[in-house]
Amino acid sequence: MAWIGVALAGGLGAVLRFVVDGWIARRFGRELPFGTFTINVSGAFLLGLLDGLALTGTAMAVAGTAALGAYTTFSTWMFETQRLAEDGEFSAAATNVVAGIIAGFLAVLLGHSIGRQL
């Protein structure tokens, strides 16, 4: 049963990533990777929230690993950063990395803190 939950949650997370990225791209364009940034920071927040709620075992595997693992994307973040650098946008590439790390870390801390309060 857990494998079915992982498969379904992973599929749902991937579709949600596609939808959110498309919505943000339509709103803000694709010159800078705002979609991936938003997805990764919101995913970090949600994972922190699940941890703060002390979700464990199969529930964490399905919600945290499958759903949020499929929703967030390290590889796309790095690929988009590499593309920015390749296009000579070195400050945008550096900002993407630094802002992503700082915002992601703060988001997971905030989510964890809120989860512990619930």
PDB file of N, CA and C in Angstrom:
ATOM      1  N   MET A   1       0.824  -1.193   0.000  1.00  0.00           N
ATOM      2  CA  MET A   1       0.000   0.000   0.000  1.00  0.00           C
ATOM      3  C   MET A   1       0.870   1.261   0.000  1.00  0.00           C
ATOM      4  N   ALA A   2       1.985   1.212   0.749  1.00  0.00           N
ATOM      5  CA  ALA A   2       2.868   2.384   0.806  1.00  0.00           C
ATOM      6  C   ALA A   2       3.414   2.713  -0.575  1.00  0.00           C
ATOM      7  N   TRP A   3       3.739   1.682  -1.373  1.00  0.00           N
ATOM      8  CA  TRP A   3       4.275   1.922  -2.713  1.00  0.00           C
ATOM      9  C   TRP A   3       3.251   2.619  -3.599  1.00  0.00           C
ATOM     10  N   ILE A   4       2.009   2.269  -3.454  1.00  0.00           N
ATOM     11  CA  ILE A   4       0.953   2.922  -4.231  1.00  0.00           C
ATOM     12  C   ILE A   4       0.834   4.379  -3.806  1.00  0.00           C
ATOM     13  N   GLY A   5       0.892   4.628  -2.500  1.00  0.00           N
ATOM     14  CA  GLY A   5       0.852   5.998  -1.993  1.00  0.00           C
ATOM     15  C   GLY A   5       2.022   6.825  -2.501  1.00  0.00           C
ATOM     16  N   VAL A   6       3.211   6.228  -2.509  1.00  0.00           N
ATOM     17  CA  VAL A   6       4.403   6.923  -3.015  1.00  0.00           C
ATOM     18  C   VAL A   6       4.237   7.250  -4.497  1.00  0.00           C
ATOM     19  N   ALA A   7       3.753   6.292  -5.274  1.00  0.00           N
ATOM     20  CA  ALA A   7       3.570   6.517  -6.713  1.00  0.00           C
ATOM     21  C   ALA A   7       2.542   7.612  -6.978  1.00  0.00           C
ATOM     22  N   LEU A   8       1.423   7.553  -6.285  1.00  0.00           N
ATOM     23  CA  LEU A   8       0.374   8.559  -6.495  1.00  0.00           C
ATOM     24  C   LEU A   8       0.814   9.939  -6.013  1.00  0.00           C
ATOM     25  N   ALA A   9       1.411   9.989  -4.837  1.00  0.00           N
ATOM     26  CA  ALA A   9       1.860  11.275  -4.297  1.00  0.00           C
ATOM     27  C   ALA A   9       2.980  11.869  -5.153  1.00  0.00           C
ATOM     28  N   GLY A  10       3.891  11.021  -5.621  1.00  0.00           N
ATOM     29  CA  GLY A  10       4.961  11.496  -6.497  1.00  0.00           C
ATOM     30  C   GLY A  10       4.413  12.063  -7.788  1.00  0.00           C
ATOM     31  N   GLY A  11       3.450  11.369  -8.363  1.00  0.00           N
ATOM     32  CA  GLY A  11       2.815  11.868  -9.585  1.00  0.00           C
ATOM     33  C   GLY A  11       2.102  13.186  -9.350  1.00  0.00           C
ATOM     34  N   LEU A  12       1.404  13.289  -8.245  1.00  0.00           N
ATOM     35  CA  LEU A  12       0.701  14.524  -7.898  1.00  0.00           C
ATOM     36  C   LEU A  12       1.689  15.673  -7.692  1.00  0.00           C
ATOM     37  N   GLY A  13       2.796  15.402  -7.006  1.00  0.00           N
ATOM     38  CA  GLY A  13       3.811  16.433  -6.783  1.00  0.00           C
ATOM     39  C   GLY A  13       4.412  16.924  -8.091  1.00  0.00           C
ATOM     40  N   ALA A  14       4.665  16.007  -9.014  1.00  0.00           N
ATOM     41  CA  ALA A  14       5.242  16.378 -10.306  1.00  0.00           C
ATOM     42  C   ALA A  14       4.268  17.221 -11.121  1.00  0.00           C
ATOM     43  N   VAL A  15       3.001  16.843 -11.112  1.00  0.00           N
ATOM     44  CA  VAL A  15       1.993  17.620 -11.839  1.00  0.00           C
ATOM     45  C   VAL A  15       1.848  19.006 -11.215  1.00  0.00           C
ATOM     46  N   LEU A  16       1.839  19.074  -9.897  1.00  0.00           N
ATOM     47  CA  LEU A  16       1.730  20.364  -9.214  1.00  0.00           C
ATOM     48  C   LEU A  16       2.914  21.256  -9.561  1.00  0.00           C
ATOM     49  N   ARG A  17       4.115  20.686  -9.623  1.00  0.00           N
ATOM     50  CA  ARG A  17       5.294  21.461 -10.012  1.00  0.00           C
ATOM     51  C   ARG A  17       5.105  22.035 -11.412  1.00  0.00           C
ATOM     52  N   PHE A  18       4.635  21.239 -12.330  1.00  0.00           N
ATOM     53  CA  PHE A  18       4.394  21.671 -13.703  1.00  0.00           C
ATOM     54  C   PHE A  18       3.385  22.818 -13.740  1.00  0.00           C
ATOM     55  N   VAL A  19       2.307  22.704 -12.990  1.00  0.00           N
ATOM     56  CA  VAL A  19       1.249  23.719 -12.965  1.00  0.00           C
ATOM     57  C   VAL A  19       1.761  25.018 -12.349  1.00  0.00           C
ATOM     58  N   VAL A  20       2.415  24.919 -11.193  1.00  0.00           N
ATOM     59  CA  VAL A  20       2.919  26.119 -10.506  1.00  0.00           C
ATOM     60  C   VAL A  20       3.971  26.827 -11.359  1.00  0.00           C
ATOM     61  N   ASP A  21       4.902  26.073 -11.937  1.00  0.00           N
ATOM     62  CA  ASP A  21       5.931  26.670 -12.775  1.00  0.00           C
ATOM     63  C   ASP A  21       5.314  27.379 -13.975  1.00  0.00           C
ATOM     64  N   GLY A  22       4.334  26.766 -14.604  1.00  0.00           N
ATOM     65  CA  GLY A  22       3.665  27.386 -15.747  1.00  0.00           C
ATOM     66  C   GLY A  22       2.942  28.658 -15.359  1.00  0.00           C
ATOM     67  N   TRP A  23       2.261  28.643 -14.224  1.00  0.00           N
ATOM     68  CA  TRP A  23       1.532  29.820 -13.763  1.00  0.00           C
ATOM     69  C   TRP A  23       2.498  30.979 -13.487  1.00  0.00           C
ATOM     70  N   ILE A  24       3.592  30.687 -12.823  1.00  0.00           N
ATOM     71  CA  ILE A  24       4.566  31.730 -12.502  1.00  0.00           C
ATOM     72  C   ILE A  24       5.239  32.242 -13.771  1.00  0.00           C
ATOM     73  N   ALA A  25       5.553  31.359 -14.700  1.00  0.00           N
ATOM     74  CA  ALA A  25       6.167  31.773 -15.964  1.00  0.00           C
ATOM     75  C   ALA A  25       5.240  32.693 -16.749  1.00  0.00           C
ATOM     76  N   ARG A  26       3.954  32.387 -16.765  1.00  0.00           N
ATOM     77  CA  ARG A  26       3.000  33.265 -17.462  1.00  0.00           C
ATOM     78  C   ARG A  26       2.921  34.626 -16.790  1.00  0.00           C
ATOM     79  N   ARG A  27       3.063  34.647 -15.506  1.00  0.00           N
ATOM     80  CA  ARG A  27       2.953  35.892 -14.754  1.00  0.00           C
ATOM     81  C   ARG A  27       4.222  36.732 -14.769  1.00  0.00           C
ATOM     82  N   PHE A  28       5.384  36.089 -14.673  1.00  0.00           N
ATOM     83  CA  PHE A  28       6.647  36.801 -14.513  1.00  0.00           C
ATOM     84  C   PHE A  28       7.646  36.566 -15.638  1.00  0.00           C
ATOM     85  N   GLY A  29       7.333  35.694 -16.569  1.00  0.00           N
ATOM     86  CA  GLY A  29       8.261  35.402 -17.655  1.00  0.00           C
ATOM     87  C   GLY A  29       9.265  34.335 -17.251  1.00  0.00           C
ATOM     88  N   ARG A  30      10.127  34.006 -18.200  1.00  0.00           N
ATOM     89  CA  ARG A  30      11.117  32.948 -17.965  1.00  0.00           C
ATOM     90  C   ARG A  30      12.549  33.466 -18.006  1.00  0.00           C
ATOM     91  N   GLU A  31      12.723  34.788 -18.019  1.00  0.00           N
ATOM     92  CA  GLU A  31      14.086  35.319 -18.062  1.00  0.00           C
ATOM     93  C   GLU A  31      14.883  34.880 -16.843  1.00  0.00           C
ATOM     94  N   LEU A  32      14.227  34.905 -15.700  1.00  0.00           N
ATOM     95  CA  LEU A  32      14.828  34.409 -14.452  1.00  0.00           C
ATOM     96  C   LEU A  32      13.971  33.254 -13.950  1.00  0.00           C
ATOM     97  N   PRO A  33      14.570  32.288 -13.299  1.00  0.00           N
ATOM     98  CA  PRO A  33      13.837  31.081 -12.897  1.00  0.00           C
ATOM     99  C   PRO A  33      12.992  31.258 -11.633  1.00  0.00           C
ATOM    100  N   PHE A  34      12.019  32.179 -11.684  1.00  0.00           N
ATOM    101  CA  PHE A  34      11.170  32.421 -10.519  1.00  0.00           C
ATOM    102  C   PHE A  34      10.292  31.226 -10.169  1.00  0.00           C
ATOM    103  N   GLY A  35       9.884  30.464 -11.176  1.00  0.00           N
ATOM    104  CA  GLY A  35       9.043  29.296 -10.917  1.00  0.00           C
ATOM    105  C   GLY A  35       9.763  28.266 -10.071  1.00  0.00           C
ATOM    106  N   THR A  36      10.969  27.906 -10.483  1.00  0.00           N
ATOM    107  CA  THR A  36      11.749  26.922  -9.728  1.00  0.00           C
ATOM    108  C   THR A  36      12.059  27.442  -8.331  1.00  0.00           C
ATOM    109  N   PHE A  37      12.398  28.718  -8.226  1.00  0.00           N
ATOM    110  CA  PHE A  37      12.682  29.322  -6.929  1.00  0.00           C
ATOM    111  C   PHE A  37      11.465  29.191  -6.006  1.00  0.00           C
ATOM    112  N   THR A  38      10.301  29.568  -6.510  1.00  0.00           N
ATOM    113  CA  THR A  38       9.073  29.518  -5.715  1.00  0.00           C
ATOM    114  C   THR A  38       8.737  28.092  -5.315  1.00  0.00           C
ATOM    115  N   ILE A  39       8.881  27.175  -6.250  1.00  0.00           N
ATOM    116  CA  ILE A  39       8.595  25.764  -5.974  1.00  0.00           C
ATOM    117  C   ILE A  39       9.530  25.227  -4.895  1.00  0.00           C
ATOM    118  N   ASN A  40      10.815  25.491  -5.023  1.00  0.00           N
ATOM    119  CA  ASN A  40      11.770  24.958  -4.051  1.00  0.00           C
ATOM    120  C   ASN A  40      11.589  25.571  -2.669  1.00  0.00           C
ATOM    121  N   VAL A  41      11.319  26.876  -2.601  1.00  0.00           N
ATOM    122  CA  VAL A  41      11.135  27.519  -1.294  1.00  0.00           C
ATOM    123  C   VAL A  41       9.824  27.055  -0.654  1.00  0.00           C
ATOM    124  N   SER A  42       8.760  26.971  -1.433  1.00  0.00           N
ATOM    125  CA  SER A  42       7.493  26.497  -0.855  1.00  0.00           C
ATOM    126  C   SER A  42       7.600  25.028  -0.447  1.00  0.00           C
ATOM    127  N   GLY A  43       8.326  24.230  -1.220  1.00  0.00           N
ATOM    128  CA  GLY A  43       8.542  22.830  -0.854  1.00  0.00           C
ATOM    129  C   GLY A  43       9.349  22.699   0.425  1.00  0.00           C
ATOM    130  N   ALA A  44      10.361  23.559   0.588  1.00  0.00           N
ATOM    131  CA  ALA A  44      11.163  23.551   1.823  1.00  0.00           C
ATOM    132  C   ALA A  44      10.287  23.920   3.016  1.00  0.00           C
ATOM    133  N   PHE A  45       9.417  24.901   2.830  1.00  0.00           N
ATOM    134  CA  PHE A  45       8.497  25.289   3.898  1.00  0.00           C
ATOM    135  C   PHE A  45       7.595  24.109   4.285  1.00  0.00           C
ATOM    136  N   LEU A  46       7.012  23.478   3.275  1.00  0.00           N
ATOM    137  CA  LEU A  46       6.100  22.365   3.548  1.00  0.00           C
ATOM    138  C   LEU A  46       6.811  21.183   4.197  1.00  0.00           C
ATOM    139  N   LEU A  47       8.026  20.892   3.766  1.00  0.00           N
ATOM    140  CA  LEU A  47       8.777  19.804   4.391  1.00  0.00           C
ATOM    141  C   LEU A  47       9.113  20.144   5.846  1.00  0.00           C
ATOM    142  N   GLY A  48       9.473  21.397   6.104  1.00  0.00           N
ATOM    143  CA  GLY A  48       9.701  21.834   7.482  1.00  0.00           C
ATOM    144  C   GLY A  48       8.438  21.717   8.311  1.00  0.00           C
ATOM    145  N   LEU A  49       7.304  22.048   7.710  1.00  0.00           N
ATOM    146  CA  LEU A  49       6.024  21.940   8.401  1.00  0.00           C
ATOM    147  C   LEU A  49       5.735  20.491   8.772  1.00  0.00           C
ATOM    148  N   LEU A  50       5.939  19.583   7.828  1.00  0.00           N
ATOM    149  CA  LEU A  50       5.722  18.160   8.115  1.00  0.00           C
ATOM    150  C   LEU A  50       6.642  17.674   9.224  1.00  0.00           C
ATOM    151  N   ASP A  51       7.892  18.119   9.203  1.00  0.00           N
ATOM    152  CA  ASP A  51       8.829  17.736  10.254  1.00  0.00           C
ATOM    153  C   ASP A  51       8.399  18.316  11.597  1.00  0.00           C
ATOM    154  N   GLY A  52       7.960  19.558  11.587  1.00  0.00           N
ATOM    155  CA  GLY A  52       7.489  20.182  12.820  1.00  0.00           C
ATOM    156  C   GLY A  52       6.265  19.496  13.388  1.00  0.00           C
ATOM    157  N   LEU A  53       5.444  18.936  12.502  1.00  0.00           N
ATOM    158  CA  LEU A  53       4.278  18.175  12.939  1.00  0.00           C
ATOM    159  C   LEU A  53       4.663  16.774  13.406  1.00  0.00           C
ATOM    160  N   ALA A  54       5.949  16.455  13.309  1.00  0.00           N
ATOM    161  CA  ALA A  54       6.513  15.162  13.722  1.00  0.00           C
ATOM    162  C   ALA A  54       5.949  14.009  12.897  1.00  0.00           C
ATOM    163  N   LEU A  55       5.724  14.267  11.611  1.00  0.00           N
ATOM    164  CA  LEU A  55       5.283  13.214  10.702  1.00  0.00           C
ATOM    165  C   LEU A  55       6.437  12.239  10.495  1.00  0.00           C
ATOM    166  N   THR A  56       6.170  10.955  10.600  1.00  0.00           N
ATOM    167  CA  THR A  56       7.223   9.947  10.466  1.00  0.00           C
ATOM    168  C   THR A  56       6.709   8.760   9.652  1.00  0.00           C
ATOM    169  N   GLY A  57       7.583   7.808   9.437  1.00  0.00           N
ATOM    170  CA  GLY A  57       7.215   6.545   8.818  1.00  0.00           C
ATOM    171  C   GLY A  57       6.648   6.689   7.424  1.00  0.00           C
ATOM    172  N   THR A  58       5.629   5.906   7.161  1.00  0.00           N
ATOM    173  CA  THR A  58       5.019   5.876   5.832  1.00  0.00           C
ATOM    174  C   THR A  58       4.419   7.225   5.464  1.00  0.00           C
ATOM    175  N   ALA A  59       3.820   7.898   6.428  1.00  0.00           N
ATOM    176  CA  ALA A  59       3.210   9.202   6.144  1.00  0.00           C
ATOM    177  C   ALA A  59       4.264  10.199   5.655  1.00  0.00           C
ATOM    178  N   MET A  60       5.434  10.211   6.287  1.00  0.00           N
ATOM    179  CA  MET A  60       6.502  11.118   5.863  1.00  0.00           C
ATOM    180  C   MET A  60       7.064  10.671   4.523  1.00  0.00           C
ATOM    181  N   ALA A  61       7.163   9.378   4.302  1.00  0.00           N
ATOM    182  CA  ALA A  61       7.666   8.881   3.017  1.00  0.00           C
ATOM    183  C   ALA A  61       6.746   9.303   1.880  1.00  0.00           C
ATOM    184  N   VAL A  62       5.446   9.209   2.101  1.00  0.00           N
ATOM    185  CA  VAL A  62       4.495   9.565   1.054  1.00  0.00           C
ATOM    186  C   VAL A  62       4.423  11.077   0.874  1.00  0.00           C
ATOM    187  N   ALA A  63       4.226  11.813   1.952  1.00  0.00           N
ATOM    188  CA  ALA A  63       4.058  13.261   1.843  1.00  0.00           C
ATOM    189  C   ALA A  63       5.382  13.980   1.615  1.00  0.00           C
ATOM    190  N   GLY A  64       6.392  13.631   2.392  1.00  0.00           N
ATOM    191  CA  GLY A  64       7.662  14.348   2.313  1.00  0.00           C
ATOM    192  C   GLY A  64       8.543  13.900   1.166  1.00  0.00           C
ATOM    193  N   THR A  65       8.805  12.617   1.100  1.00  0.00           N
ATOM    194  CA  THR A  65       9.725  12.114   0.084  1.00  0.00           C
ATOM    195  C   THR A  65       9.078  12.064  -1.291  1.00  0.00           C
ATOM    196  N   ALA A  66       7.899  11.465  -1.385  1.00  0.00           N
ATOM    197  CA  ALA A  66       7.271  11.290  -2.702  1.00  0.00           C
ATOM    198  C   ALA A  66       6.669  12.598  -3.224  1.00  0.00           C
ATOM    199  N   ALA A  67       5.713  13.156  -2.496  1.00  0.00           N
ATOM    200  CA  ALA A  67       5.007  14.339  -2.995  1.00  0.00           C
ATOM    201  C   ALA A  67       5.930  15.550  -3.094  1.00  0.00           C
ATOM    202  N   LEU A  68       6.605  15.876  -1.993  1.00  0.00           N
ATOM    203  CA  LEU A  68       7.457  17.063  -2.018  1.00  0.00           C
ATOM    204  C   LEU A  68       8.758  16.816  -2.766  1.00  0.00           C
ATOM    205  N   GLY A  69       9.243  15.595  -2.765  1.00  0.00           N
ATOM    206  CA  GLY A  69      10.431  15.263  -3.548  1.00  0.00           C
ATOM    207  C   GLY A  69      10.183  15.423  -5.035  1.00  0.00           C
ATOM    208  N   ALA A  70       8.989  15.055  -5.479  1.00  0.00           N
ATOM    209  CA  ALA A  70       8.631  15.222  -6.892  1.00  0.00           C
ATOM    210  C   ALA A  70       8.288  16.673  -7.206  1.00  0.00           C
ATOM    211  N   TYR A  71       7.768  17.388  -6.224  1.00  0.00           N
ATOM    212  CA  TYR A  71       7.396  18.796  -6.414  1.00  0.00           C
ATOM    213  C   TYR A  71       8.627  19.687  -6.521  1.00  0.00           C
ATOM    214  N   THR A  72       9.579  19.511  -5.639  1.00  0.00           N
ATOM    215  CA  THR A  72      10.783  20.346  -5.659  1.00  0.00           C
ATOM    216  C   THR A  72      11.805  19.765  -6.621  1.00  0.00           C
ATOM    217  N   THR A  73      12.810  20.590  -6.959  1.00  0.00           N
ATOM    218  CA  THR A  73      13.745  20.112  -7.964  1.00  0.00           C
ATOM    219  C   THR A  73      15.107  20.771  -7.864  1.00  0.00           C
ATOM    220  N   PHE A  74      16.055  20.036  -7.341  1.00  0.00           N
ATOM    221  CA  PHE A  74      17.431  20.515  -7.265  1.00  0.00           C
ATOM    222  C   PHE A  74      18.060  20.555  -8.653  1.00  0.00           C
ATOM    223  N   SER A  75      17.824  19.546  -9.444  1.00  0.00           N
ATOM    224  CA  SER A  75      18.471  19.467 -10.759  1.00  0.00           C
ATOM    225  C   SER A  75      18.047  20.616 -11.669  1.00  0.00           C
ATOM    226  N   THR A  76      16.769  20.952 -11.673  1.00  0.00           N
ATOM    227  CA  THR A  76      16.316  22.074 -12.500  1.00  0.00           C
ATOM    228  C   THR A  76      16.907  23.375 -11.995  1.00  0.00           C
ATOM    229  N   TRP A  77      16.984  23.546 -10.688  1.00  0.00           N
ATOM    230  CA  TRP A  77      17.568  24.749 -10.089  1.00  0.00           C
ATOM    231  C   TRP A  77      19.011  24.919 -10.566  1.00  0.00           C
ATOM    232  N   MET A  78      19.779  23.845 -10.515  1.00  0.00           N
ATOM    233  CA  MET A  78      21.182  23.917 -10.941  1.00  0.00           C
ATOM    234  C   MET A  78      21.296  24.104 -12.455  1.00  0.00           C
ATOM    235  N   PHE A  79      20.437  23.448 -13.215  1.00  0.00           N
ATOM    236  CA  PHE A  79      20.453  23.598 -14.665  1.00  0.00           C
ATOM    237  C   PHE A  79      20.140  25.039 -15.059  1.00  0.00           C
ATOM    238  N   GLU A  80      19.129  25.627 -14.440  1.00  0.00           N
ATOM    239  CA  GLU A  80      18.773  27.016 -14.746  1.00  0.00           C
ATOM    240  C   GLU A  80      19.889  27.970 -14.327  1.00  0.00           C
ATOM    241  N   THR A  81      20.547  27.678 -13.226  1.00  0.00           N
ATOM    242  CA  THR A  81      21.681  28.493 -12.790  1.00  0.00           C
ATOM    243  C   THR A  81      22.817  28.390 -13.791  1.00  0.00           C
ATOM    244  N   GLN A  82      23.087  27.197 -14.262  1.00  0.00           N
ATOM    245  CA  GLN A  82      24.130  26.996 -15.269  1.00  0.00           C
ATOM    246  C   GLN A  82      23.791  27.741 -16.551  1.00  0.00           C
ATOM    247  N   ARG A  83      22.535  27.733 -16.953  1.00  0.00           N
ATOM    248  CA  ARG A  83      22.099  28.459 -18.157  1.00  0.00           C
ATOM    249  C   ARG A  83      22.308  29.970 -18.000  1.00  0.00           C
ATOM    250  N   LEU A  84      21.985  30.485 -16.823  1.00  0.00           N
ATOM    251  CA  LEU A  84      22.213  31.913 -16.576  1.00  0.00           C
ATOM    252  C   LEU A  84      23.697  32.245 -16.721  1.00  0.00           C
ATOM    253  N   ALA A  85      24.541  31.432 -16.135  1.00  0.00           N
ATOM    254  CA  ALA A  85      25.988  31.661 -16.232  1.00  0.00           C
ATOM    255  C   ALA A  85      26.456  31.531 -17.676  1.00  0.00           C
ATOM    256  N   GLU A  86      25.938  30.547 -18.372  1.00  0.00           N
ATOM    257  CA  GLU A  86      26.299  30.335 -19.774  1.00  0.00           C
ATOM    258  C   GLU A  86      25.925  31.541 -20.640  1.00  0.00           C
ATOM    259  N   ASP A  87      24.824  32.206 -20.273  1.00  0.00           N
ATOM    260  CA  ASP A  87      24.373  33.396 -21.001  1.00  0.00           C
ATOM    261  C   ASP A  87      25.083  34.666 -20.535  1.00  0.00           C
ATOM    262  N   GLY A  88      26.059  34.531 -19.659  1.00  0.00           N
ATOM    263  CA  GLY A  88      26.804  35.679 -19.170  1.00  0.00           C
ATOM    264  C   GLY A  88      26.119  36.421 -18.039  1.00  0.00           C
ATOM    265  N   GLU A  89      25.045  35.863 -17.514  1.00  0.00           N
ATOM    266  CA  GLU A  89      24.303  36.478 -16.413  1.00  0.00           C
ATOM    267  C   GLU A  89      24.862  35.972 -15.082  1.00  0.00           C
ATOM    268  N   PHE A  90      26.129  36.313 -14.823  1.00  0.00           N
ATOM    269  CA  PHE A  90      26.813  35.764 -13.650  1.00  0.00           C
ATOM    270  C   PHE A  90      26.217  36.246 -12.334  1.00  0.00           C
ATOM    271  N   SER A  91      25.818  37.502 -12.269  1.00  0.00           N
ATOM    272  CA  SER A  91      25.230  37.985 -11.011  1.00  0.00           C
ATOM    273  C   SER A  91      23.863  37.348 -10.787  1.00  0.00           C
ATOM    274  N   ALA A  92      23.096  37.133 -11.840  1.00  0.00           N
ATOM    275  CA  ALA A  92      21.802  36.463 -11.695  1.00  0.00           C
ATOM    276  C   ALA A  92      22.007  35.004 -11.276  1.00  0.00           C
ATOM    277  N   ALA A  93      23.012  34.346 -11.826  1.00  0.00           N
ATOM    278  CA  ALA A  93      23.304  32.960 -11.458  1.00  0.00           C
ATOM    279  C   ALA A  93      23.710  32.874  -9.989  1.00  0.00           C
ATOM    280  N   ALA A  94      24.592  33.761  -9.564  1.00  0.00           N
ATOM    281  CA  ALA A  94      25.031  33.766  -8.164  1.00  0.00           C
ATOM    282  C   ALA A  94      23.865  34.099  -7.236  1.00  0.00           C
ATOM    283  N   THR A  95      23.052  35.062  -7.630  1.00  0.00           N
ATOM    284  CA  THR A  95      21.884  35.429  -6.824  1.00  0.00           C
ATOM    285  C   THR A  95      20.923  34.259  -6.710  1.00  0.00           C
ATOM    286  N   ASN A  96      20.746  33.530  -7.811  1.00  0.00           N
ATOM    287  CA  ASN A  96      19.853  32.374  -7.798  1.00  0.00           C
ATOM    288  C   ASN A  96      20.318  31.331  -6.791  1.00  0.00           C
ATOM    289  N   VAL A  97      21.603  31.091  -6.732  1.00  0.00           N
ATOM    290  CA  VAL A  97      22.138  30.103  -5.792  1.00  0.00           C
ATOM    291  C   VAL A  97      22.024  30.610  -4.357  1.00  0.00           C
ATOM    292  N   VAL A  98      22.521  31.806  -4.097  1.00  0.00           N
ATOM    293  CA  VAL A  98      22.535  32.343  -2.733  1.00  0.00           C
ATOM    294  C   VAL A  98      21.112  32.555  -2.214  1.00  0.00           C
ATOM    295  N   ALA A  99      20.276  33.179  -3.028  1.00  0.00           N
ATOM    296  CA  ALA A  99      18.891  33.431  -2.601  1.00  0.00           C
ATOM    297  C   ALA A  99      18.145  32.118  -2.389  1.00  0.00           C
ATOM    298  N   GLY A 100      18.386  31.135  -3.251  1.00  0.00           N
ATOM    299  CA  GLY A 100      17.723  29.843  -3.104  1.00  0.00           C
ATOM    300  C   GLY A 100      18.104  29.147  -1.812  1.00  0.00           C
ATOM    301  N   ILE A 101      19.372  29.194  -1.469  1.00  0.00           N
ATOM    302  CA  ILE A 101      19.833  28.549  -0.237  1.00  0.00           C
ATOM    303  C   ILE A 101      19.291  29.277   0.988  1.00  0.00           C
ATOM    304  N   ILE A 102      19.411  30.588   0.997  1.00  0.00           N
ATOM    305  CA  ILE A 102      18.947  31.358   2.163  1.00  0.00           C
ATOM    306  C   ILE A 102      17.440  31.256   2.316  1.00  0.00           C
ATOM    307  N   ALA A 103      16.699  31.484   1.227  1.00  0.00           N
ATOM    308  CA  ALA A 103      15.233  31.435   1.307  1.00  0.00           C
ATOM    309  C   ALA A 103      14.759  30.027   1.662  1.00  0.00           C
ATOM    310  N   GLY A 104      15.387  29.011   1.089  1.00  0.00           N
ATOM    311  CA  GLY A 104      15.003  27.635   1.400  1.00  0.00           C
ATOM    312  C   GLY A 104      15.247  27.303   2.861  1.00  0.00           C
ATOM    313  N   PHE A 105      16.388  27.715   3.375  1.00  0.00           N
ATOM    314  CA  PHE A 105      16.709  27.454   4.773  1.00  0.00           C
ATOM    315  C   PHE A 105      15.729  28.177   5.703  1.00  0.00           C
ATOM    316  N   LEU A 106      15.450  29.439   5.415  1.00  0.00           N
ATOM    317  CA  LEU A 106      14.501  30.184   6.240  1.00  0.00           C
ATOM    318  C   LEU A 106      13.096  29.594   6.136  1.00  0.00           C
ATOM    319  N   ALA A 107      12.731  29.134   4.945  1.00  0.00           N
ATOM    320  CA  ALA A 107      11.403  28.543   4.755  1.00  0.00           C
ATOM    321  C   ALA A 107      11.249  27.258   5.551  1.00  0.00           C
ATOM    322  N   VAL A 108      12.273  26.408   5.541  1.00  0.00           N
ATOM    323  CA  VAL A 108      12.174  25.158   6.299  1.00  0.00           C
ATOM    324  C   VAL A 108      12.140  25.451   7.801  1.00  0.00           C
ATOM    325  N   LEU A 109      12.884  26.447   8.256  1.00  0.00           N
ATOM    326  CA  LEU A 109      12.826  26.825   9.673  1.00  0.00           C
ATOM    327  C   LEU A 109      11.445  27.352  10.049  1.00  0.00           C
ATOM    328  N   LEU A 110      10.884  28.196   9.197  1.00  0.00           N
ATOM    329  CA  LEU A 110       9.549  28.749   9.462  1.00  0.00           C
ATOM    330  C   LEU A 110       8.508  27.632   9.478  1.00  0.00           C
ATOM    331  N   GLY A 111       8.549  26.761   8.477  1.00  0.00           N
ATOM    332  CA  GLY A 111       7.601  25.645   8.434  1.00  0.00           C
ATOM    333  C   GLY A 111       7.711  24.764   9.654  1.00  0.00           C
ATOM    334  N   HIS A 112       8.946  24.446  10.046  1.00  0.00           N
ATOM    335  CA  HIS A 112       9.171  23.613  11.229  1.00  0.00           C
ATOM    336  C   HIS A 112       8.605  24.286  12.481  1.00  0.00           C
ATOM    337  N   SER A 113       8.864  25.570  12.612  1.00  0.00           N
ATOM    338  CA  SER A 113       8.385  26.318  13.771  1.00  0.00           C
ATOM    339  C   SER A 113       6.852  26.328  13.823  1.00  0.00           C
ATOM    340  N   ILE A 114       6.230  26.566  12.692  1.00  0.00           N
ATOM    341  CA  ILE A 114       4.755  26.570  12.651  1.00  0.00           C
ATOM    342  C   ILE A 114       4.222  25.168  12.946  1.00  0.00           C
ATOM    343  N   GLY A 115       4.838  24.161  12.352  1.00  0.00           N
ATOM    344  CA  GLY A 115       4.404  22.786  12.592  1.00  0.00           C
ATOM    345  C   GLY A 115       4.473  22.389  14.054  1.00  0.00           C
ATOM    346  N   ARG A 116       5.487  22.844  14.737  1.00  0.00           N
ATOM    347  CA  ARG A 116       5.628  22.503  16.176  1.00  0.00           C
ATOM    348  C   ARG A 116       4.544  23.177  17.013  1.00  0.00           C
ATOM    349  N   GLN A 117       4.025  24.308  16.521  1.00  0.00           N
ATOM    350  CA  GLN A 117       2.994  25.032  17.253  1.00  0.00           C
ATOM    351  C   GLN A 117       1.604  24.446  17.036  1.00  0.00           C
ATOM    352  N   LEU A 118       1.439  23.681  15.984  1.00  0.00           N
ATOM    353  CA  LEU A 118       0.105  23.130  15.672  1.00  0.00           C
ATOM    354  C   LEU A 118      -0.193  21.870  16.447  1.00  0.00           C
TER     355      LEU A 118
END
